[in-house]
Amino acid sequence: MSKKEELLKAAQDKVRLGGYSNFSFRELASEVGIKSASVHYHFPTKADLGAELAHHYTNSFLAALGEPDELKASGKNPIEVYTQLFRGALVTDKKMCLCGLLGAESDSLPDKVRLEVQRFFNHNLQWLKAAHLANDEPNPAQAAIKTVSLLEGAMMISKTLDDNSYFELATQTV
């Protein structure tokens, strides 16, 4: 793993646990074993790092999903696959969705970070709309909004109350 990738991973872990303000370049440098100036070499500003972090997270998330039509053709329910990614973040990683957490902070984020968070939600809504269309939902756009809202909200409540059963109860109807 390159130092840049190590920095992104360290920053992602910190943001997913405490939001955009939960890290400094000095902390990341210490964690990765480099000088603070070296962090600036890879990411001139915190906004540059935050934007790349959200961009990378979005790409990884979408790549892990695959295509709704292909999932459906292989006998899988695309919405269940989507839900499993959220469940894995909450139960296995014990963390929030990076862009969900950043989305809650969107009013205070630098523009380039906010744009990448918007990109996450726009792509997810497009994916979910296609997934609900593949499942013959009568209103796929509405179902897409409901799905992502339910999962982000259920994740937040479960983390807040330190009880994953709230996520499980909320997602029984997905």
N, C-alpha and C. Protein backbone atom coordinates (compact mmCIF):
# COMPACT_ATOMS: atom_id res chain seq x y z
N MET A 1 0.85 -1.18 0.00
CA MET A 1 0.00 0.00 0.00
C MET A 1 0.89 1.24 0.00
N SER A 2 0.62 2.18 -0.88
CA SER A 2 1.41 3.41 -0.95
C SER A 2 1.09 4.31 0.24
N LYS A 3 1.94 5.27 0.49
CA LYS A 3 1.70 6.21 1.60
C LYS A 3 0.41 6.98 1.37
N LYS A 4 0.13 7.32 0.13
CA LYS A 4 -1.11 8.03 -0.19
C LYS A 4 -2.32 7.16 0.18
N GLU A 5 -2.27 5.89 -0.17
CA GLU A 5 -3.36 4.97 0.17
C GLU A 5 -3.47 4.79 1.68
N GLU A 6 -2.32 4.72 2.36
CA GLU A 6 -2.34 4.61 3.82
C GLU A 6 -2.97 5.85 4.45
N LEU A 7 -2.67 7.01 3.91
CA LEU A 7 -3.26 8.26 4.41
C LEU A 7 -4.77 8.27 4.20
N LEU A 8 -5.21 7.83 3.03
CA LEU A 8 -6.65 7.77 2.76
C LEU A 8 -7.35 6.80 3.70
N LYS A 9 -6.73 5.65 3.94
CA LYS A 9 -7.33 4.67 4.85
C LYS A 9 -7.41 5.22 6.27
N ALA A 10 -6.33 5.83 6.73
CA ALA A 10 -6.32 6.40 8.08
C ALA A 10 -7.35 7.51 8.21
N ALA A 11 -7.44 8.36 7.20
CA ALA A 11 -8.42 9.45 7.23
C ALA A 11 -9.84 8.89 7.19
N GLN A 12 -10.06 7.86 6.37
CA GLN A 12 -11.40 7.27 6.30
C GLN A 12 -11.82 6.70 7.65
N ASP A 13 -10.92 5.99 8.29
CA ASP A 13 -11.25 5.43 9.61
C ASP A 13 -11.63 6.53 10.59
N LYS A 14 -10.88 7.62 10.58
CA LYS A 14 -11.16 8.72 11.51
C LYS A 14 -12.47 9.43 11.19
N VAL A 15 -12.71 9.69 9.91
CA VAL A 15 -13.94 10.37 9.52
C VAL A 15 -15.15 9.50 9.82
N ARG A 16 -15.07 8.21 9.53
CA ARG A 16 -16.21 7.32 9.77
C ARG A 16 -16.52 7.15 11.25
N LEU A 17 -15.57 7.47 12.09
CA LEU A 17 -15.80 7.40 13.53
C LEU A 17 -16.23 8.73 14.13
N GLY A 18 -15.82 9.85 13.52
CA GLY A 18 -16.12 11.12 14.17
C GLY A 18 -16.33 12.32 13.27
N GLY A 19 -16.44 12.11 11.99
CA GLY A 19 -16.72 13.22 11.10
C GLY A 19 -15.48 13.89 10.54
N TYR A 20 -15.73 14.90 9.73
CA TYR A 20 -14.68 15.59 8.98
C TYR A 20 -13.66 16.25 9.90
N SER A 21 -14.09 16.73 11.03
CA SER A 21 -13.16 17.42 11.94
C SER A 21 -12.39 16.46 12.85
N ASN A 22 -12.57 15.17 12.66
CA ASN A 22 -11.96 14.17 13.55
C ASN A 22 -10.53 13.81 13.17
N PHE A 23 -9.87 14.58 12.32
CA PHE A 23 -8.48 14.29 12.00
C PHE A 23 -7.74 15.56 11.64
N SER A 24 -6.45 15.50 11.83
CA SER A 24 -5.56 16.57 11.38
C SER A 24 -4.45 15.92 10.57
N PHE A 25 -3.76 16.73 9.78
CA PHE A 25 -2.65 16.20 8.99
C PHE A 25 -1.56 15.67 9.91
N ARG A 26 -1.35 16.32 11.02
CA ARG A 26 -0.32 15.88 11.97
C ARG A 26 -0.64 14.49 12.51
N GLU A 27 -1.91 14.25 12.86
CA GLU A 27 -2.32 12.94 13.36
C GLU A 27 -2.15 11.86 12.29
N LEU A 28 -2.57 12.19 11.07
CA LEU A 28 -2.44 11.22 9.98
C LEU A 28 -0.97 10.90 9.72
N ALA A 29 -0.13 11.94 9.71
CA ALA A 29 1.30 11.74 9.48
C ALA A 29 1.88 10.81 10.53
N SER A 30 1.54 11.03 11.77
CA SER A 30 2.03 10.21 12.87
C SER A 30 1.57 8.76 12.71
N GLU A 31 0.31 8.59 12.37
CA GLU A 31 -0.25 7.25 12.22
C GLU A 31 0.41 6.47 11.07
N VAL A 32 0.73 7.17 9.98
CA VAL A 32 1.30 6.53 8.81
C VAL A 32 2.83 6.46 8.89
N GLY A 33 3.42 7.25 9.79
CA GLY A 33 4.87 7.22 9.96
C GLY A 33 5.62 8.11 8.99
N ILE A 34 5.04 9.26 8.68
CA ILE A 34 5.71 10.23 7.81
C ILE A 34 5.64 11.61 8.46
N LYS A 35 6.29 12.57 7.87
CA LYS A 35 6.24 13.95 8.37
C LYS A 35 4.97 14.62 7.87
N SER A 36 4.50 15.59 8.64
CA SER A 36 3.29 16.30 8.27
C SER A 36 3.40 16.96 6.90
N ALA A 37 4.58 17.44 6.57
CA ALA A 37 4.79 18.06 5.25
C ALA A 37 4.57 17.05 4.12
N SER A 38 4.83 15.78 4.41
CA SER A 38 4.62 14.75 3.39
C SER A 38 3.14 14.53 3.11
N VAL A 39 2.30 14.76 4.10
CA VAL A 39 0.85 14.66 3.88
C VAL A 39 0.45 15.74 2.87
N HIS A 40 1.01 16.93 3.06
CA HIS A 40 0.70 18.05 2.15
C HIS A 40 1.21 17.79 0.74
N TYR A 41 2.22 16.97 0.61
CA TYR A 41 2.71 16.60 -0.72
C TYR A 41 1.61 15.86 -1.50
N HIS A 42 0.94 14.95 -0.81
CA HIS A 42 -0.12 14.16 -1.44
C HIS A 42 -1.44 14.92 -1.52
N PHE A 43 -1.73 15.72 -0.50
CA PHE A 43 -2.99 16.45 -0.40
C PHE A 43 -2.68 17.86 0.09
N PRO A 44 -2.61 18.83 -0.82
CA PRO A 44 -2.24 20.20 -0.42
C PRO A 44 -3.09 20.77 0.72
N THR A 45 -4.39 20.43 0.73
CA THR A 45 -5.27 20.94 1.79
C THR A 45 -6.13 19.80 2.35
N LYS A 46 -6.73 20.06 3.48
CA LYS A 46 -7.65 19.09 4.06
C LYS A 46 -8.85 18.88 3.14
N ALA A 47 -9.27 19.93 2.45
CA ALA A 47 -10.38 19.81 1.51
C ALA A 47 -10.00 18.88 0.36
N ASP A 48 -8.77 18.95 -0.11
CA ASP A 48 -8.31 18.04 -1.17
C ASP A 48 -8.37 16.59 -0.69
N LEU A 49 -7.92 16.37 0.53
CA LEU A 49 -7.96 15.02 1.10
C LEU A 49 -9.40 14.57 1.28
N GLY A 50 -10.25 15.42 1.83
CA GLY A 50 -11.65 15.06 2.05
C GLY A 50 -12.37 14.74 0.75
N ALA A 51 -12.10 15.53 -0.29
CA ALA A 51 -12.74 15.30 -1.59
C ALA A 51 -12.28 13.98 -2.19
N GLU A 52 -10.99 13.71 -2.13
CA GLU A 52 -10.50 12.45 -2.69
C GLU A 52 -11.00 11.26 -1.87
N LEU A 53 -11.10 11.45 -0.58
CA LEU A 53 -11.61 10.40 0.29
C LEU A 53 -13.05 10.04 -0.09
N ALA A 54 -13.91 11.04 -0.24
CA ALA A 54 -15.31 10.79 -0.61
C ALA A 54 -15.41 10.22 -2.02
N HIS A 55 -14.56 10.69 -2.92
CA HIS A 55 -14.55 10.18 -4.30
C HIS A 55 -14.17 8.70 -4.31
N HIS A 56 -13.11 8.37 -3.61
CA HIS A 56 -12.64 6.99 -3.53
C HIS A 56 -13.69 6.09 -2.86
N TYR A 57 -14.30 6.57 -1.80
CA TYR A 57 -15.33 5.81 -1.09
C TYR A 57 -16.51 5.51 -2.02
N THR A 58 -16.94 6.52 -2.78
CA THR A 58 -18.05 6.35 -3.71
C THR A 58 -17.71 5.29 -4.75
N ASN A 59 -16.53 5.40 -5.34
CA ASN A 59 -16.13 4.43 -6.37
C ASN A 59 -16.05 3.02 -5.81
N SER A 60 -15.49 2.87 -4.62
CA SER A 60 -15.37 1.55 -4.00
C SER A 60 -16.74 0.97 -3.66
N PHE A 61 -17.60 1.83 -3.15
CA PHE A 61 -18.95 1.39 -2.78
C PHE A 61 -19.70 0.89 -4.01
N LEU A 62 -19.67 1.68 -5.08
CA LEU A 62 -20.37 1.29 -6.31
C LEU A 62 -19.77 0.04 -6.94
N ALA A 63 -18.46 -0.08 -6.90
CA ALA A 63 -17.81 -1.26 -7.45
C ALA A 63 -18.20 -2.51 -6.67
N ALA A 64 -18.37 -2.38 -5.37
CA ALA A 64 -18.76 -3.53 -4.54
C ALA A 64 -20.19 -3.97 -4.85
N LEU A 65 -21.00 -3.06 -5.32
CA LEU A 65 -22.39 -3.39 -5.62
C LEU A 65 -22.55 -4.21 -6.89
N GLY A 66 -21.87 -3.79 -7.94
CA GLY A 66 -22.11 -4.40 -9.24
C GLY A 66 -23.30 -3.74 -9.91
N GLU A 67 -23.79 -4.35 -10.96
CA GLU A 67 -24.91 -3.79 -11.73
C GLU A 67 -26.22 -4.46 -11.31
N PRO A 68 -27.27 -3.68 -11.08
CA PRO A 68 -28.55 -4.25 -10.64
C PRO A 68 -29.09 -5.35 -11.56
N ASP A 69 -29.04 -5.12 -12.87
CA ASP A 69 -29.57 -6.12 -13.81
C ASP A 69 -28.78 -7.43 -13.75
N GLU A 70 -27.47 -7.32 -13.60
CA GLU A 70 -26.64 -8.52 -13.50
C GLU A 70 -26.92 -9.28 -12.21
N LEU A 71 -27.12 -8.53 -11.12
CA LEU A 71 -27.45 -9.18 -9.85
C LEU A 71 -28.78 -9.92 -9.97
N LYS A 72 -29.76 -9.24 -10.53
CA LYS A 72 -31.08 -9.84 -10.70
C LYS A 72 -31.00 -11.09 -11.58
N ALA A 73 -30.22 -11.02 -12.67
CA ALA A 73 -30.07 -12.16 -13.58
C ALA A 73 -29.40 -13.35 -12.90
N SER A 74 -28.56 -13.07 -11.89
CA SER A 74 -27.88 -14.16 -11.18
C SER A 74 -28.69 -14.65 -9.97
N GLY A 75 -29.93 -14.17 -9.86
CA GLY A 75 -30.81 -14.65 -8.80
C GLY A 75 -30.71 -13.89 -7.49
N LYS A 76 -29.98 -12.78 -7.50
CA LYS A 76 -29.84 -11.98 -6.28
C LYS A 76 -30.78 -10.79 -6.32
N ASN A 77 -31.23 -10.38 -5.15
CA ASN A 77 -32.05 -9.18 -5.03
C ASN A 77 -31.10 -7.99 -4.87
N PRO A 78 -31.06 -7.07 -5.84
CA PRO A 78 -30.12 -5.95 -5.76
C PRO A 78 -30.28 -5.11 -4.48
N ILE A 79 -31.50 -4.97 -4.02
CA ILE A 79 -31.73 -4.17 -2.81
C ILE A 79 -31.15 -4.87 -1.58
N GLU A 80 -31.22 -6.17 -1.55
CA GLU A 80 -30.62 -6.92 -0.45
C GLU A 80 -29.09 -6.81 -0.50
N VAL A 81 -28.51 -6.84 -1.68
CA VAL A 81 -27.06 -6.65 -1.83
C VAL A 81 -26.66 -5.27 -1.31
N TYR A 82 -27.44 -4.26 -1.67
CA TYR A 82 -27.20 -2.89 -1.21
C TYR A 82 -27.29 -2.82 0.32
N THR A 83 -28.33 -3.42 0.87
CA THR A 83 -28.52 -3.42 2.32
C THR A 83 -27.36 -4.11 3.03
N GLN A 84 -26.85 -5.18 2.44
CA GLN A 84 -25.74 -5.91 3.04
C GLN A 84 -24.48 -5.05 3.15
N LEU A 85 -24.27 -4.16 2.20
CA LEU A 85 -23.10 -3.27 2.31
C LEU A 85 -23.23 -2.36 3.53
N PHE A 86 -24.41 -1.84 3.76
CA PHE A 86 -24.64 -1.01 4.94
C PHE A 86 -24.50 -1.83 6.22
N ARG A 87 -25.08 -3.04 6.20
CA ARG A 87 -25.00 -3.92 7.37
C ARG A 87 -23.53 -4.22 7.69
N GLY A 88 -22.74 -4.50 6.67
CA GLY A 88 -21.32 -4.78 6.86
C GLY A 88 -20.58 -3.60 7.49
N ALA A 89 -20.90 -2.40 7.03
CA ALA A 89 -20.27 -1.20 7.60
C ALA A 89 -20.61 -1.08 9.08
N LEU A 90 -21.86 -1.31 9.41
CA LEU A 90 -22.32 -1.15 10.79
C LEU A 90 -21.86 -2.30 11.69
N VAL A 91 -22.09 -3.52 11.26
CA VAL A 91 -21.86 -4.68 12.12
C VAL A 91 -20.40 -5.13 12.10
N THR A 92 -19.81 -5.23 10.92
CA THR A 92 -18.44 -5.71 10.81
C THR A 92 -17.42 -4.60 11.08
N ASP A 93 -17.57 -3.47 10.36
CA ASP A 93 -16.63 -2.36 10.53
C ASP A 93 -16.90 -1.55 11.79
N LYS A 94 -18.14 -1.62 12.28
CA LYS A 94 -18.58 -0.83 13.44
C LYS A 94 -18.41 0.67 13.20
N LYS A 95 -18.75 1.08 11.96
CA LYS A 95 -18.60 2.47 11.56
C LYS A 95 -19.81 2.90 10.75
N MET A 96 -19.93 4.21 10.63
CA MET A 96 -20.97 4.81 9.81
C MET A 96 -20.54 4.81 8.35
N CYS A 97 -21.50 4.99 7.48
CA CYS A 97 -21.22 5.24 6.06
C CYS A 97 -20.50 6.58 5.98
N LEU A 98 -19.34 6.61 5.35
CA LEU A 98 -18.54 7.82 5.27
C LEU A 98 -19.34 8.99 4.71
N CYS A 99 -20.00 8.79 3.58
CA CYS A 99 -20.71 9.90 2.94
C CYS A 99 -22.01 10.24 3.68
N GLY A 100 -22.59 9.29 4.37
CA GLY A 100 -23.74 9.59 5.21
C GLY A 100 -23.35 10.52 6.34
N LEU A 101 -22.24 10.22 6.96
CA LEU A 101 -21.72 11.05 8.04
C LEU A 101 -21.34 12.43 7.53
N LEU A 102 -20.64 12.47 6.41
CA LEU A 102 -20.26 13.76 5.82
C LEU A 102 -21.50 14.53 5.34
N GLY A 103 -22.49 13.81 4.84
CA GLY A 103 -23.72 14.47 4.41
C GLY A 103 -24.40 15.21 5.54
N ALA A 104 -24.35 14.65 6.73
CA ALA A 104 -24.93 15.32 7.89
C ALA A 104 -24.19 16.61 8.23
N GLU A 105 -22.94 16.70 7.80
CA GLU A 105 -22.12 17.88 8.05
C GLU A 105 -22.02 18.79 6.83
N SER A 106 -22.82 18.55 5.81
CA SER A 106 -22.62 19.20 4.51
C SER A 106 -22.60 20.73 4.57
N ASP A 107 -23.35 21.33 5.47
CA ASP A 107 -23.35 22.80 5.55
C ASP A 107 -22.00 23.37 5.95
N SER A 108 -21.18 22.59 6.64
CA SER A 108 -19.89 23.11 7.11
C SER A 108 -18.70 22.53 6.33
N LEU A 109 -18.96 21.75 5.30
CA LEU A 109 -17.87 21.15 4.51
C LEU A 109 -17.38 22.12 3.45
N PRO A 110 -16.10 22.02 3.10
CA PRO A 110 -15.61 22.78 1.94
C PRO A 110 -16.36 22.33 0.68
N ASP A 111 -16.51 23.23 -0.28
CA ASP A 111 -17.29 22.95 -1.49
C ASP A 111 -16.86 21.67 -2.19
N LYS A 112 -15.56 21.45 -2.35
CA LYS A 112 -15.11 20.28 -3.11
C LYS A 112 -15.45 18.98 -2.39
N VAL A 113 -15.51 19.00 -1.07
CA VAL A 113 -15.91 17.81 -0.32
C VAL A 113 -17.42 17.62 -0.45
N ARG A 114 -18.16 18.69 -0.29
CA ARG A 114 -19.62 18.62 -0.40
C ARG A 114 -20.04 18.10 -1.79
N LEU A 115 -19.34 18.52 -2.83
CA LEU A 115 -19.65 18.05 -4.19
C LEU A 115 -19.43 16.55 -4.33
N GLU A 116 -18.38 16.03 -3.70
CA GLU A 116 -18.13 14.59 -3.76
C GLU A 116 -19.16 13.81 -2.96
N VAL A 117 -19.63 14.37 -1.85
CA VAL A 117 -20.68 13.72 -1.07
C VAL A 117 -21.97 13.71 -1.87
N GLN A 118 -22.27 14.81 -2.56
CA GLN A 118 -23.44 14.85 -3.43
C GLN A 118 -23.32 13.80 -4.54
N ARG A 119 -22.11 13.65 -5.05
CA ARG A 119 -21.86 12.64 -6.09
C ARG A 119 -22.20 11.24 -5.56
N PHE A 120 -21.81 10.95 -4.33
CA PHE A 120 -22.13 9.66 -3.72
C PHE A 120 -23.64 9.43 -3.73
N PHE A 121 -24.39 10.40 -3.23
CA PHE A 121 -25.83 10.21 -3.14
C PHE A 121 -26.49 10.19 -4.51
N ASN A 122 -26.04 11.02 -5.43
CA ASN A 122 -26.60 10.99 -6.78
C ASN A 122 -26.39 9.63 -7.45
N HIS A 123 -25.18 9.10 -7.35
CA HIS A 123 -24.90 7.79 -7.95
C HIS A 123 -25.67 6.67 -7.24
N ASN A 124 -25.78 6.78 -5.92
CA ASN A 124 -26.53 5.75 -5.19
C ASN A 124 -28.01 5.80 -5.55
N LEU A 125 -28.56 7.00 -5.68
CA LEU A 125 -29.96 7.10 -6.05
C LEU A 125 -30.19 6.55 -7.47
N GLN A 126 -29.26 6.82 -8.38
CA GLN A 126 -29.37 6.26 -9.73
C GLN A 126 -29.32 4.73 -9.69
N TRP A 127 -28.37 4.20 -8.91
CA TRP A 127 -28.22 2.75 -8.80
C TRP A 127 -29.48 2.14 -8.21
N LEU A 128 -29.97 2.74 -7.13
CA LEU A 128 -31.17 2.22 -6.47
C LEU A 128 -32.40 2.32 -7.37
N LYS A 129 -32.49 3.39 -8.12
CA LYS A 129 -33.62 3.52 -9.06
C LYS A 129 -33.59 2.37 -10.07
N ALA A 130 -32.41 2.08 -10.61
CA ALA A 130 -32.27 0.95 -11.54
C ALA A 130 -32.57 -0.37 -10.85
N ALA A 131 -32.16 -0.50 -9.60
CA ALA A 131 -32.42 -1.74 -8.85
C ALA A 131 -33.90 -1.92 -8.59
N HIS A 132 -34.58 -0.85 -8.21
CA HIS A 132 -36.02 -0.95 -7.97
C HIS A 132 -36.77 -1.17 -9.28
N LEU A 133 -36.27 -0.61 -10.37
CA LEU A 133 -36.86 -0.84 -11.68
C LEU A 133 -36.73 -2.33 -12.05
N ALA A 134 -35.55 -2.89 -11.78
CA ALA A 134 -35.32 -4.31 -12.05
C ALA A 134 -36.25 -5.20 -11.21
N ASN A 135 -36.64 -4.68 -10.04
CA ASN A 135 -37.55 -5.42 -9.16
C ASN A 135 -39.02 -5.06 -9.43
N ASP A 136 -39.28 -4.36 -10.54
CA ASP A 136 -40.64 -3.99 -10.96
C ASP A 136 -41.38 -3.12 -9.95
N GLU A 137 -40.66 -2.24 -9.27
CA GLU A 137 -41.30 -1.28 -8.35
C GLU A 137 -42.11 -0.29 -9.17
N PRO A 138 -43.31 0.07 -8.72
CA PRO A 138 -44.13 1.01 -9.48
C PRO A 138 -43.55 2.44 -9.54
N ASN A 139 -42.84 2.86 -8.50
CA ASN A 139 -42.24 4.19 -8.48
C ASN A 139 -40.78 4.05 -8.04
N PRO A 140 -39.88 3.68 -8.96
CA PRO A 140 -38.50 3.40 -8.57
C PRO A 140 -37.74 4.59 -7.99
N ALA A 141 -38.04 5.80 -8.44
CA ALA A 141 -37.34 6.98 -7.91
C ALA A 141 -37.70 7.20 -6.43
N GLN A 142 -38.97 7.06 -6.12
CA GLN A 142 -39.42 7.20 -4.73
C GLN A 142 -38.86 6.07 -3.87
N ALA A 143 -38.87 4.87 -4.39
CA ALA A 143 -38.35 3.73 -3.64
C ALA A 143 -36.85 3.90 -3.38
N ALA A 144 -36.12 4.47 -4.34
CA ALA A 144 -34.68 4.70 -4.17
C ALA A 144 -34.43 5.65 -3.00
N ILE A 145 -35.18 6.75 -2.96
CA ILE A 145 -35.01 7.72 -1.86
C ILE A 145 -35.35 7.08 -0.53
N LYS A 146 -36.43 6.33 -0.49
CA LYS A 146 -36.83 5.66 0.75
C LYS A 146 -35.76 4.68 1.21
N THR A 147 -35.19 3.93 0.29
CA THR A 147 -34.19 2.92 0.65
C THR A 147 -32.95 3.56 1.27
N VAL A 148 -32.36 4.52 0.59
CA VAL A 148 -31.13 5.12 1.12
C VAL A 148 -31.42 5.88 2.41
N SER A 149 -32.57 6.53 2.50
CA SER A 149 -32.92 7.27 3.72
C SER A 149 -33.10 6.31 4.89
N LEU A 150 -33.78 5.20 4.64
CA LEU A 150 -34.00 4.21 5.69
C LEU A 150 -32.67 3.64 6.19
N LEU A 151 -31.78 3.28 5.26
CA LEU A 151 -30.52 2.66 5.66
C LEU A 151 -29.61 3.63 6.40
N GLU A 152 -29.48 4.85 5.89
CA GLU A 152 -28.65 5.84 6.58
C GLU A 152 -29.22 6.15 7.96
N GLY A 153 -30.54 6.31 8.04
CA GLY A 153 -31.18 6.60 9.32
C GLY A 153 -31.09 5.45 10.31
N ALA A 154 -31.31 4.24 9.82
CA ALA A 154 -31.23 3.06 10.69
C ALA A 154 -29.81 2.88 11.21
N MET A 155 -28.85 3.18 10.36
CA MET A 155 -27.45 3.09 10.78
C MET A 155 -27.16 4.11 11.88
N MET A 156 -27.65 5.34 11.70
CA MET A 156 -27.41 6.39 12.68
C MET A 156 -28.06 6.05 14.04
N ILE A 157 -29.29 5.58 14.00
CA ILE A 157 -29.97 5.23 15.24
C ILE A 157 -29.26 4.09 15.95
N SER A 158 -28.87 3.07 15.20
CA SER A 158 -28.18 1.92 15.79
C SER A 158 -26.85 2.33 16.42
N LYS A 159 -26.10 3.19 15.72
CA LYS A 159 -24.82 3.66 16.29
C LYS A 159 -25.07 4.51 17.53
N THR A 160 -26.06 5.39 17.48
CA THR A 160 -26.36 6.27 18.61
C THR A 160 -26.76 5.48 19.84
N LEU A 161 -27.60 4.46 19.64
CA LEU A 161 -28.09 3.66 20.76
C LEU A 161 -27.21 2.45 21.05
N ASP A 162 -26.14 2.30 20.27
CA ASP A 162 -25.19 1.20 20.43
C ASP A 162 -25.90 -0.15 20.44
N ASP A 163 -26.80 -0.31 19.46
CA ASP A 163 -27.60 -1.53 19.39
C ASP A 163 -27.99 -1.78 17.93
N ASN A 164 -27.34 -2.76 17.31
CA ASN A 164 -27.58 -3.06 15.90
C ASN A 164 -28.95 -3.66 15.63
N SER A 165 -29.67 -4.04 16.67
CA SER A 165 -31.00 -4.62 16.45
C SER A 165 -31.95 -3.59 15.83
N TYR A 166 -31.69 -2.30 16.06
CA TYR A 166 -32.53 -1.27 15.43
C TYR A 166 -32.36 -1.29 13.92
N PHE A 167 -31.14 -1.49 13.46
CA PHE A 167 -30.89 -1.60 12.02
C PHE A 167 -31.62 -2.83 11.48
N GLU A 168 -31.49 -3.94 12.16
CA GLU A 168 -32.14 -5.18 11.70
C GLU A 168 -33.65 -5.02 11.66
N LEU A 169 -34.22 -4.42 12.67
CA LEU A 169 -35.67 -4.21 12.71
C LEU A 169 -36.10 -3.30 11.56
N ALA A 170 -35.38 -2.22 11.34
CA ALA A 170 -35.73 -1.26 10.28
C ALA A 170 -35.61 -1.87 8.89
N THR A 171 -34.66 -2.76 8.70
CA THR A 171 -34.39 -3.30 7.36
C THR A 171 -35.17 -4.56 7.05
N GLN A 172 -36.00 -5.00 7.95
CA GLN A 172 -36.82 -6.21 7.67
C GLN A 172 -37.76 -5.98 6.49
N THR A 173 -38.14 -4.74 6.23
CA THR A 173 -39.10 -4.47 5.16
C THR A 173 -38.43 -4.02 3.87
N VAL A 174 -37.11 -3.95 3.83
CA VAL A 174 -36.41 -3.48 2.63
C VAL A 174 -36.44 -4.53 1.56
